[in-house]
N, C-alpha and C. Protein backbone atom coordinates (compact mmCIF):
# COMPACT_ATOMS: atom_id res chain seq x y z
N MET A 1 -61.72 -51.26 14.69
CA MET A 1 -60.74 -51.88 15.14
C MET A 1 -59.65 -52.49 14.07
N HIS A 2 -58.25 -52.27 14.92
CA HIS A 2 -57.31 -52.93 13.86
C HIS A 2 -56.75 -53.66 14.02
N LYS A 3 -56.54 -54.97 12.68
CA LYS A 3 -56.14 -56.41 12.98
C LYS A 3 -54.50 -56.15 12.75
N ILE A 4 -53.87 -56.60 13.65
CA ILE A 4 -52.50 -56.66 13.86
C ILE A 4 -51.87 -57.82 13.14
N GLY A 5 -52.83 -59.35 13.21
CA GLY A 5 -52.35 -60.31 12.66
C GLY A 5 -52.07 -61.56 13.74
N CYS A 6 -51.65 -62.73 13.23
CA CYS A 6 -51.08 -64.06 14.05
C CYS A 6 -49.72 -63.50 14.39
N LEU A 7 -49.74 -63.48 15.89
CA LEU A 7 -48.03 -63.29 16.48
C LEU A 7 -47.60 -64.53 17.40
N SER A 8 -46.64 -64.84 17.36
CA SER A 8 -45.93 -65.97 18.06
C SER A 8 -46.11 -65.15 19.67
N GLU A 9 -45.77 -66.20 20.79
CA GLU A 9 -46.07 -65.35 21.87
C GLU A 9 -44.33 -64.62 22.10
N ALA A 10 -43.37 -64.79 21.85
CA ALA A 10 -42.54 -63.81 21.85
C ALA A 10 -42.91 -62.28 20.79
N GLU A 11 -43.50 -62.45 19.95
CA GLU A 11 -44.31 -61.52 19.21
C GLU A 11 -45.73 -60.58 20.08
N LEU A 12 -46.02 -61.53 20.90
CA LEU A 12 -47.14 -61.08 21.22
C LEU A 12 -46.60 -60.05 22.54
N LYS A 13 -45.39 -60.37 23.14
CA LYS A 13 -44.77 -60.10 23.93
C LYS A 13 -44.20 -58.65 23.80
N ARG A 14 -43.77 -58.67 22.52
CA ARG A 14 -42.83 -57.66 22.10
C ARG A 14 -44.22 -56.43 21.66
N PHE A 15 -45.04 -56.89 21.30
CA PHE A 15 -46.11 -55.65 21.14
C PHE A 15 -46.96 -55.00 22.13
N ALA A 16 -47.14 -55.85 23.25
CA ALA A 16 -47.22 -55.64 24.51
C ALA A 16 -46.53 -54.35 25.06
N LYS A 17 -45.02 -54.86 24.89
CA LYS A 17 -44.03 -53.85 25.32
C LYS A 17 -44.07 -52.60 24.91
N LEU A 18 -44.32 -52.65 23.59
CA LEU A 18 -44.66 -51.55 22.66
C LEU A 18 -45.57 -50.48 23.37
N VAL A 19 -46.85 -51.11 23.58
CA VAL A 19 -48.37 -50.67 24.10
C VAL A 19 -47.59 -49.92 25.20
N ALA A 20 -47.09 -50.53 26.25
CA ALA A 20 -46.47 -50.12 27.31
C ALA A 20 -45.81 -48.79 27.64
N PHE A 21 -44.60 -48.82 26.46
CA PHE A 21 -43.76 -47.67 26.09
C PHE A 21 -44.31 -46.40 25.97
N HIS A 22 -45.70 -46.42 25.24
CA HIS A 22 -46.41 -45.32 25.01
C HIS A 22 -47.60 -44.99 25.78
N LEU A 23 -47.62 -45.60 27.08
CA LEU A 23 -48.19 -45.21 28.20
C LEU A 23 -47.55 -43.97 29.06
N ALA A 24 -48.55 -43.10 29.66
CA ALA A 24 -47.97 -41.83 30.16
C ALA A 24 -48.92 -41.81 31.75
N GLY A 25 -49.41 -42.88 31.68
CA GLY A 25 -50.04 -43.12 33.23
C GLY A 25 -51.50 -42.45 33.20
N GLY A 26 -52.40 -43.37 34.15
CA GLY A 26 -53.76 -42.79 34.05
C GLY A 26 -54.57 -43.54 32.58
N GLU A 27 -54.02 -44.59 32.70
CA GLU A 27 -54.80 -45.00 31.31
C GLU A 27 -55.57 -46.39 31.69
N VAL A 28 -56.61 -46.89 30.84
CA VAL A 28 -57.29 -48.21 31.19
C VAL A 28 -56.87 -48.95 29.84
N LEU A 29 -56.49 -50.31 29.89
CA LEU A 29 -56.32 -51.08 29.08
C LEU A 29 -57.23 -52.59 29.10
N LEU A 30 -57.89 -52.60 28.35
CA LEU A 30 -58.95 -53.67 28.39
C LEU A 30 -58.16 -54.83 27.59
N LEU A 31 -58.52 -56.14 28.12
CA LEU A 31 -57.91 -57.30 27.53
C LEU A 31 -59.10 -58.24 27.65
N SER A 32 -59.18 -58.76 25.87
CA SER A 32 -60.84 -59.49 25.76
C SER A 32 -60.42 -60.45 24.96
N GLY A 33 -61.09 -61.51 25.27
CA GLY A 33 -60.39 -62.97 24.24
C GLY A 33 -61.09 -63.95 25.33
N PRO A 34 -60.85 -65.10 24.56
CA PRO A 34 -61.33 -66.25 25.49
C PRO A 34 -60.50 -67.04 26.34
N ILE A 35 -60.76 -67.49 27.41
CA ILE A 35 -59.74 -68.23 28.13
C ILE A 35 -58.16 -68.78 27.47
N GLY A 36 -57.31 -68.72 27.59
CA GLY A 36 -56.13 -69.27 27.21
C GLY A 36 -55.55 -68.62 26.15
N SER A 37 -55.97 -67.41 25.83
CA SER A 37 -55.44 -66.52 24.40
C SER A 37 -54.64 -65.76 24.60
N GLY A 38 -54.14 -65.92 25.88
CA GLY A 38 -52.77 -64.75 26.06
C GLY A 38 -53.03 -63.56 26.79
N LYS A 39 -54.30 -63.16 27.47
CA LYS A 39 -54.22 -62.00 27.98
C LYS A 39 -53.05 -61.78 29.55
N THR A 40 -52.96 -62.72 30.18
CA THR A 40 -51.99 -62.59 31.11
C THR A 40 -50.54 -62.58 30.36
N THR A 41 -50.42 -63.11 29.45
CA THR A 41 -49.12 -63.21 28.67
C THR A 41 -48.83 -61.65 28.24
N PHE A 42 -49.86 -61.21 27.80
CA PHE A 42 -49.79 -59.76 27.30
C PHE A 42 -49.43 -59.03 28.44
N VAL A 43 -49.72 -58.79 29.44
CA VAL A 43 -49.35 -57.79 30.88
C VAL A 43 -48.29 -58.46 31.24
N LYS A 44 -47.64 -59.85 30.87
CA LYS A 44 -46.41 -60.04 31.33
C LYS A 44 -45.52 -59.23 30.09
N GLY A 45 -46.09 -59.52 29.16
CA GLY A 45 -45.15 -58.54 28.11
C GLY A 45 -44.70 -57.04 28.14
N MET A 46 -45.81 -56.48 28.72
CA MET A 46 -46.00 -55.03 29.30
C MET A 46 -45.41 -54.80 30.27
N ALA A 47 -44.97 -55.72 31.62
CA ALA A 47 -44.38 -55.65 32.65
C ALA A 47 -42.68 -54.88 32.52
N SER A 48 -42.04 -55.24 31.81
CA SER A 48 -40.32 -55.45 32.00
C SER A 48 -40.28 -53.52 31.40
N GLU A 49 -41.29 -53.18 30.52
CA GLU A 49 -41.57 -51.77 30.23
C GLU A 49 -41.93 -51.01 31.37
N LEU A 50 -42.75 -51.44 32.03
CA LEU A 50 -43.36 -50.91 33.12
C LEU A 50 -42.56 -50.97 34.11
N GLY A 51 -41.43 -51.60 34.58
CA GLY A 51 -40.43 -51.65 35.44
C GLY A 51 -40.79 -52.58 36.51
N ILE A 52 -41.44 -53.91 36.11
CA ILE A 52 -42.04 -54.87 36.98
C ILE A 52 -41.53 -56.48 36.54
N GLU A 53 -40.78 -57.03 37.34
CA GLU A 53 -40.26 -58.42 37.20
C GLU A 53 -41.67 -58.94 36.29
N PRO A 54 -41.15 -59.37 35.22
CA PRO A 54 -42.36 -60.28 34.44
C PRO A 54 -42.92 -61.79 35.16
N SER A 55 -41.86 -62.30 35.92
CA SER A 55 -42.01 -63.34 36.71
C SER A 55 -43.11 -63.05 37.93
N GLN A 56 -43.20 -61.79 38.21
CA GLN A 56 -44.16 -61.57 39.28
C GLN A 56 -45.36 -61.54 38.50
N ILE A 57 -45.69 -61.05 37.28
CA ILE A 57 -47.12 -61.23 37.03
C ILE A 57 -48.08 -62.36 37.31
N ARG A 58 -49.12 -62.43 38.05
CA ARG A 58 -50.03 -63.53 38.11
C ARG A 58 -51.30 -63.18 37.45
N SER A 59 -52.48 -64.25 36.95
CA SER A 59 -53.53 -63.85 36.54
C SER A 59 -54.03 -63.90 38.42
N PRO A 60 -55.13 -62.39 38.00
CA PRO A 60 -55.43 -62.35 39.08
C PRO A 60 -57.10 -62.57 39.06
N SER A 61 -57.11 -63.93 39.02
CA SER A 61 -58.58 -64.36 38.63
C SER A 61 -59.29 -64.68 39.89
N PHE A 62 -59.07 -65.11 41.06
CA PHE A 62 -58.89 -65.16 42.57
C PHE A 62 -59.15 -64.16 43.14
N ALA A 63 -57.99 -63.36 42.76
CA ALA A 63 -57.76 -61.91 43.97
C ALA A 63 -58.81 -60.75 43.73
N LEU A 64 -59.16 -61.15 42.19
CA LEU A 64 -59.67 -59.84 41.44
C LEU A 64 -58.99 -58.99 40.94
N MET A 65 -58.18 -58.35 41.90
CA MET A 65 -57.13 -57.38 41.60
C MET A 65 -55.74 -57.41 42.06
N ASN A 66 -54.71 -57.82 41.28
CA ASN A 66 -53.02 -57.63 41.40
C ASN A 66 -52.64 -56.49 41.41
N THR A 67 -51.92 -55.97 42.37
CA THR A 67 -51.10 -54.43 42.25
C THR A 67 -49.71 -54.74 41.91
N TYR A 68 -49.08 -53.98 41.15
CA TYR A 68 -47.38 -54.11 41.09
C TYR A 68 -47.35 -52.68 41.04
N ILE A 69 -46.44 -52.41 41.71
CA ILE A 69 -45.28 -51.00 41.82
C ILE A 69 -44.18 -51.17 40.53
N GLY A 70 -44.43 -50.13 39.67
CA GLY A 70 -43.52 -49.89 38.43
C GLY A 70 -42.93 -48.89 38.45
N LYS A 71 -41.91 -48.69 37.64
CA LYS A 71 -40.79 -47.69 38.04
C LYS A 71 -41.65 -46.07 37.64
N LYS A 72 -42.36 -46.20 37.19
CA LYS A 72 -43.28 -45.24 36.55
C LYS A 72 -44.70 -44.83 37.40
N PHE A 73 -45.04 -46.15 37.30
CA PHE A 73 -46.61 -46.49 37.50
C PHE A 73 -46.88 -47.52 38.67
N VAL A 74 -48.28 -47.38 39.46
CA VAL A 74 -48.44 -48.53 40.08
C VAL A 74 -49.59 -49.34 38.68
N VAL A 75 -49.52 -50.31 38.70
CA VAL A 75 -50.27 -51.03 37.89
C VAL A 75 -51.63 -51.89 38.43
N TYR A 76 -52.72 -52.02 38.29
CA TYR A 76 -53.79 -52.80 38.82
C TYR A 76 -53.92 -53.32 37.88
N HIS A 77 -53.99 -54.88 37.96
CA HIS A 77 -54.02 -55.65 37.00
C HIS A 77 -55.51 -56.28 37.76
N VAL A 78 -56.73 -56.09 36.54
CA VAL A 78 -57.87 -56.43 37.28
C VAL A 78 -58.22 -57.93 36.42
N ASP A 79 -59.26 -59.04 37.06
CA ASP A 79 -59.73 -59.97 36.39
C ASP A 79 -61.38 -60.19 36.49
N LEU A 80 -62.05 -59.78 35.88
CA LEU A 80 -63.60 -60.05 36.05
C LEU A 80 -64.15 -60.99 35.81
N TYR A 81 -63.38 -62.06 35.40
CA TYR A 81 -64.03 -63.35 35.12
C TYR A 81 -65.14 -64.02 35.68
N ARG A 82 -64.64 -63.94 36.86
CA ARG A 82 -65.45 -64.48 38.17
C ARG A 82 -66.66 -63.46 38.45
N ILE A 83 -66.74 -62.15 38.12
CA ILE A 83 -67.77 -61.45 38.56
C ILE A 83 -69.23 -61.78 37.31
N ASP A 84 -70.37 -62.08 38.03
CA ASP A 84 -71.66 -62.29 37.25
C ASP A 84 -72.17 -61.28 36.78
N GLU A 85 -72.13 -60.30 38.32
CA GLU A 85 -72.93 -58.71 37.55
C GLU A 85 -71.75 -57.82 37.96
N PRO A 86 -71.92 -56.60 37.86
CA PRO A 86 -70.97 -55.56 38.64
C PRO A 86 -70.72 -55.69 40.11
N ASP A 87 -69.45 -55.68 40.67
CA ASP A 87 -69.24 -55.42 42.28
C ASP A 87 -68.95 -54.31 42.59
N MET A 88 -69.82 -53.82 42.74
CA MET A 88 -70.23 -52.14 43.30
C MET A 88 -69.02 -51.66 44.09
N ASN A 89 -68.19 -52.71 45.13
CA ASN A 89 -67.31 -52.46 45.76
C ASN A 89 -66.14 -51.80 45.01
N LEU A 90 -65.81 -53.09 44.14
CA LEU A 90 -64.67 -52.96 43.43
C LEU A 90 -64.56 -51.95 42.21
N LEU A 91 -66.04 -51.42 41.74
CA LEU A 91 -66.20 -50.42 40.57
C LEU A 91 -65.80 -49.26 41.21
N MET A 92 -66.31 -49.02 42.43
CA MET A 92 -66.00 -47.80 43.38
C MET A 92 -64.38 -47.72 43.62
N GLU A 93 -63.64 -48.66 43.95
CA GLU A 93 -62.62 -48.69 44.03
C GLU A 93 -61.75 -48.35 42.89
N LEU A 94 -62.01 -49.10 41.54
CA LEU A 94 -61.70 -48.56 40.68
C LEU A 94 -61.91 -47.28 40.28
N GLU A 95 -62.68 -46.52 40.25
CA GLU A 95 -63.27 -45.23 39.58
C GLU A 95 -62.20 -44.60 40.56
N GLU A 96 -61.99 -44.54 41.83
CA GLU A 96 -60.88 -43.79 42.40
C GLU A 96 -59.49 -44.10 41.89
N ILE A 97 -59.08 -45.23 41.74
CA ILE A 97 -57.72 -45.35 40.89
C ILE A 97 -57.73 -44.57 39.57
N LEU A 98 -58.81 -44.85 39.28
CA LEU A 98 -58.72 -44.09 37.44
C LEU A 98 -58.51 -42.90 37.85
N GLU A 99 -58.93 -41.79 39.00
CA GLU A 99 -58.60 -40.76 39.23
C GLU A 99 -57.09 -40.29 39.13
N ASP A 100 -56.11 -41.43 39.28
CA ASP A 100 -54.78 -41.31 39.62
C ASP A 100 -53.94 -41.34 38.26
N ASP A 101 -53.29 -40.20 37.87
CA ASP A 101 -52.80 -40.61 36.63
C ASP A 101 -51.40 -40.98 36.93
N LYS A 102 -50.86 -41.67 37.97
CA LYS A 102 -49.54 -42.05 37.91
C LYS A 102 -50.07 -43.58 37.94
N SER A 103 -51.02 -44.18 37.71
CA SER A 103 -51.64 -45.68 37.86
C SER A 103 -51.80 -46.31 36.24
N VAL A 104 -51.68 -47.33 36.37
CA VAL A 104 -52.40 -48.06 34.73
C VAL A 104 -53.32 -48.94 35.28
N VAL A 105 -54.55 -49.04 34.75
CA VAL A 105 -55.23 -50.23 34.93
C VAL A 105 -55.49 -50.82 33.95
N ILE A 106 -55.42 -52.24 33.82
CA ILE A 106 -55.43 -53.34 32.99
C ILE A 106 -56.41 -54.27 33.24
N VAL A 107 -57.54 -54.52 32.35
CA VAL A 107 -58.62 -55.06 32.97
C VAL A 107 -58.84 -56.33 32.04
N GLU A 108 -58.93 -57.81 32.30
CA GLU A 108 -59.11 -59.04 31.71
C GLU A 108 -60.58 -59.25 31.85
N TRP A 109 -61.28 -59.77 31.15
CA TRP A 109 -62.92 -59.91 31.08
C TRP A 109 -63.71 -58.52 31.34
N PRO A 110 -63.18 -57.28 30.71
CA PRO A 110 -63.94 -56.18 30.80
C PRO A 110 -65.27 -56.00 30.51
N GLU A 111 -65.71 -57.33 29.68
CA GLU A 111 -67.36 -56.78 29.22
C GLU A 111 -68.22 -57.33 30.40
N ARG A 112 -67.45 -57.71 31.26
CA ARG A 112 -68.54 -58.22 32.78
C ARG A 112 -68.88 -56.68 33.07
N SER A 113 -68.16 -55.78 32.86
CA SER A 113 -68.97 -54.51 33.47
C SER A 113 -68.75 -53.32 32.10
N ALA A 114 -69.26 -53.97 31.22
CA ALA A 114 -69.22 -52.90 30.00
C ALA A 114 -69.65 -51.33 29.90
N SER A 115 -70.76 -51.21 30.81
CA SER A 115 -70.77 -49.66 30.80
C SER A 115 -70.21 -48.87 31.41
N PHE A 116 -68.90 -49.58 32.24
CA PHE A 116 -68.52 -49.14 33.19
C PHE A 116 -67.35 -47.84 32.93
N TRP A 117 -67.18 -48.25 31.80
CA TRP A 117 -65.57 -47.79 30.92
C TRP A 117 -65.77 -46.66 30.22
N GLY A 118 -65.01 -45.76 30.51
CA GLY A 118 -65.20 -44.45 29.49
C GLY A 118 -64.35 -44.96 28.20
N ASP A 119 -63.36 -43.84 28.26
CA ASP A 119 -62.39 -43.95 27.16
C ASP A 119 -61.22 -45.13 27.66
N PHE A 120 -61.01 -46.05 26.75
CA PHE A 120 -59.73 -47.01 26.91
C PHE A 120 -59.17 -47.20 25.56
N LEU A 121 -58.15 -48.27 25.74
CA LEU A 121 -57.67 -48.70 25.00
C LEU A 121 -57.96 -50.26 25.30
N GLU A 122 -58.05 -50.91 23.97
CA GLU A 122 -58.60 -52.41 24.18
C GLU A 122 -57.90 -53.01 23.13
N VAL A 123 -57.12 -54.05 23.85
CA VAL A 123 -56.29 -55.23 23.03
C VAL A 123 -57.52 -56.70 23.35
N HIS A 124 -57.90 -57.24 21.74
CA HIS A 124 -58.59 -58.40 21.77
C HIS A 124 -57.91 -59.52 21.17
N LEU A 125 -57.80 -60.79 21.89
CA LEU A 125 -56.72 -61.64 21.42
C LEU A 125 -57.86 -62.78 21.10
N GLU A 126 -57.32 -63.61 19.85
CA GLU A 126 -58.27 -64.87 19.35
C GLU A 126 -57.08 -66.14 19.29
N TYR A 127 -57.39 -67.15 19.02
CA TYR A 127 -56.81 -67.99 18.95
C TYR A 127 -56.32 -68.07 17.15
N CYS A 128 -55.10 -68.28 16.86
CA CYS A 128 -54.99 -68.25 15.83
C CYS A 128 -54.61 -69.81 15.27
N SER A 129 -53.67 -70.00 15.83
CA SER A 129 -52.96 -71.53 15.94
C SER A 129 -52.69 -71.86 17.23
N TYR A 130 -52.04 -73.04 17.58
CA TYR A 130 -51.73 -73.41 18.82
C TYR A 130 -50.96 -72.54 19.47
N SER A 131 -49.81 -72.17 18.71
CA SER A 131 -48.84 -71.24 19.16
C SER A 131 -48.72 -69.97 18.84
N GLU A 132 -49.97 -69.38 18.10
CA GLU A 132 -50.03 -67.91 17.93
C GLU A 132 -51.67 -67.37 18.00
N ARG A 133 -51.32 -65.63 18.50
CA ARG A 133 -52.75 -65.80 18.56
C ARG A 133 -52.95 -64.43 17.71
N LYS A 134 -54.23 -64.34 17.12
CA LYS A 134 -54.67 -62.89 16.37
C LYS A 134 -54.91 -61.85 17.51
N LEU A 135 -54.24 -60.65 17.12
CA LEU A 135 -54.36 -59.65 17.89
C LEU A 135 -55.08 -58.67 17.28
N PHE A 136 -55.91 -57.77 17.83
CA PHE A 136 -56.69 -56.64 17.19
C PHE A 136 -56.76 -55.30 18.50
N ILE A 137 -56.55 -54.40 18.10
CA ILE A 137 -56.50 -53.11 18.38
C ILE A 137 -57.13 -52.20 18.55
N ARG A 138 -57.67 -51.62 19.39
CA ARG A 138 -59.01 -50.39 19.36
C ARG A 138 -58.87 -49.19 20.41
N ALA A 139 -59.19 -48.17 20.14
CA ALA A 139 -59.36 -47.28 21.29
C ALA A 139 -60.71 -46.40 21.20
N ARG A 140 -60.75 -46.13 22.17
CA ARG A 140 -61.97 -44.88 22.43
C ARG A 140 -61.68 -44.02 23.12
N GLY A 141 -61.50 -42.58 22.30
CA GLY A 141 -61.33 -41.52 23.07
C GLY A 141 -60.04 -40.97 22.21
N ASP A 142 -59.72 -39.65 22.25
CA ASP A 142 -58.39 -39.30 21.38
C ASP A 142 -57.32 -39.50 21.90
N ARG A 143 -57.27 -39.64 23.24
CA ARG A 143 -55.60 -40.09 23.87
C ARG A 143 -55.15 -41.39 23.49
N TYR A 144 -56.22 -42.11 23.35
CA TYR A 144 -56.08 -43.48 22.91
C TYR A 144 -55.55 -43.59 21.62
N GLN A 145 -56.64 -43.19 20.76
CA GLN A 145 -56.37 -42.85 19.58
C GLN A 145 -54.79 -42.74 18.92
N ARG A 146 -54.26 -41.43 19.57
CA ARG A 146 -53.05 -41.29 19.57
C ARG A 146 -51.97 -42.62 19.77
N VAL A 147 -52.18 -43.51 20.79
CA VAL A 147 -51.62 -44.45 21.22
C VAL A 147 -51.33 -45.51 20.21
N VAL A 148 -52.48 -46.04 20.03
CA VAL A 148 -53.08 -46.64 18.36
C VAL A 148 -52.03 -46.57 18.00
N PHE A 149 -52.07 -45.03 17.34
CA PHE A 149 -51.64 -44.67 15.87
C PHE A 149 -50.19 -45.11 15.79
N GLU A 150 -49.44 -44.63 16.89
CA GLU A 150 -47.99 -44.92 17.30
C GLU A 150 -47.42 -46.18 17.50
N VAL A 151 -48.15 -46.97 18.11
CA VAL A 151 -48.04 -48.25 18.51
C VAL A 151 -48.17 -48.93 16.94
N ILE A 152 -48.99 -48.78 16.05
CA ILE A 152 -49.19 -49.36 14.92
C ILE A 152 -48.15 -48.79 13.91
N ARG A 153 -47.69 -47.44 13.83
CA ARG A 153 -46.59 -47.14 13.33
C ARG A 153 -45.60 -47.98 13.45
N ARG A 154 -44.85 -47.81 14.90
CA ARG A 154 -43.82 -48.21 15.07
C ARG A 154 -43.95 -50.17 14.75
N TRP A 155 -44.61 -50.59 15.17
CA TRP A 155 -45.00 -52.10 14.57
C TRP A 155 -44.38 -52.22 13.45
N HIS A 156 -45.17 -51.72 12.68
CA HIS A 156 -44.56 -51.72 11.07
C HIS A 156 -43.29 -51.51 10.68
N HIS A 157 -42.42 -50.67 11.50
CA HIS A 157 -41.54 -50.29 10.94
C HIS A 157 -40.12 -50.95 11.70
């Protein structure tokens, strides 16, 4: 896992936009961290790069999944917080969505169904201070390793 550092809300959104820029479609982005750590804020940061109005982004806590039509992809924003055990209907739906290379799946609380995910990009957020979040990024799979490499390279330039 690569530690990016403590980021303000504006920096967090800028980093998220950079991640979104490097998506080609068909990706899975896992967002982990405690309640209030900035997972939905991260998705809002990605939104404008994906052609979605950031004000449309809502936490899917109660709906389980929100769908947004972007300029290049359909974005499925999933929140598994309220799932105590894997929801087979939801996982079957996600399996079908994951086959579509014109979609991006963003999952909050992915640890609720940890064994389901194949290759992925993960962003982990922690509290650094009241107004900053510590961000870590990691990848499983070559495709995602390249994304992490490019994002980190551009972030530090």
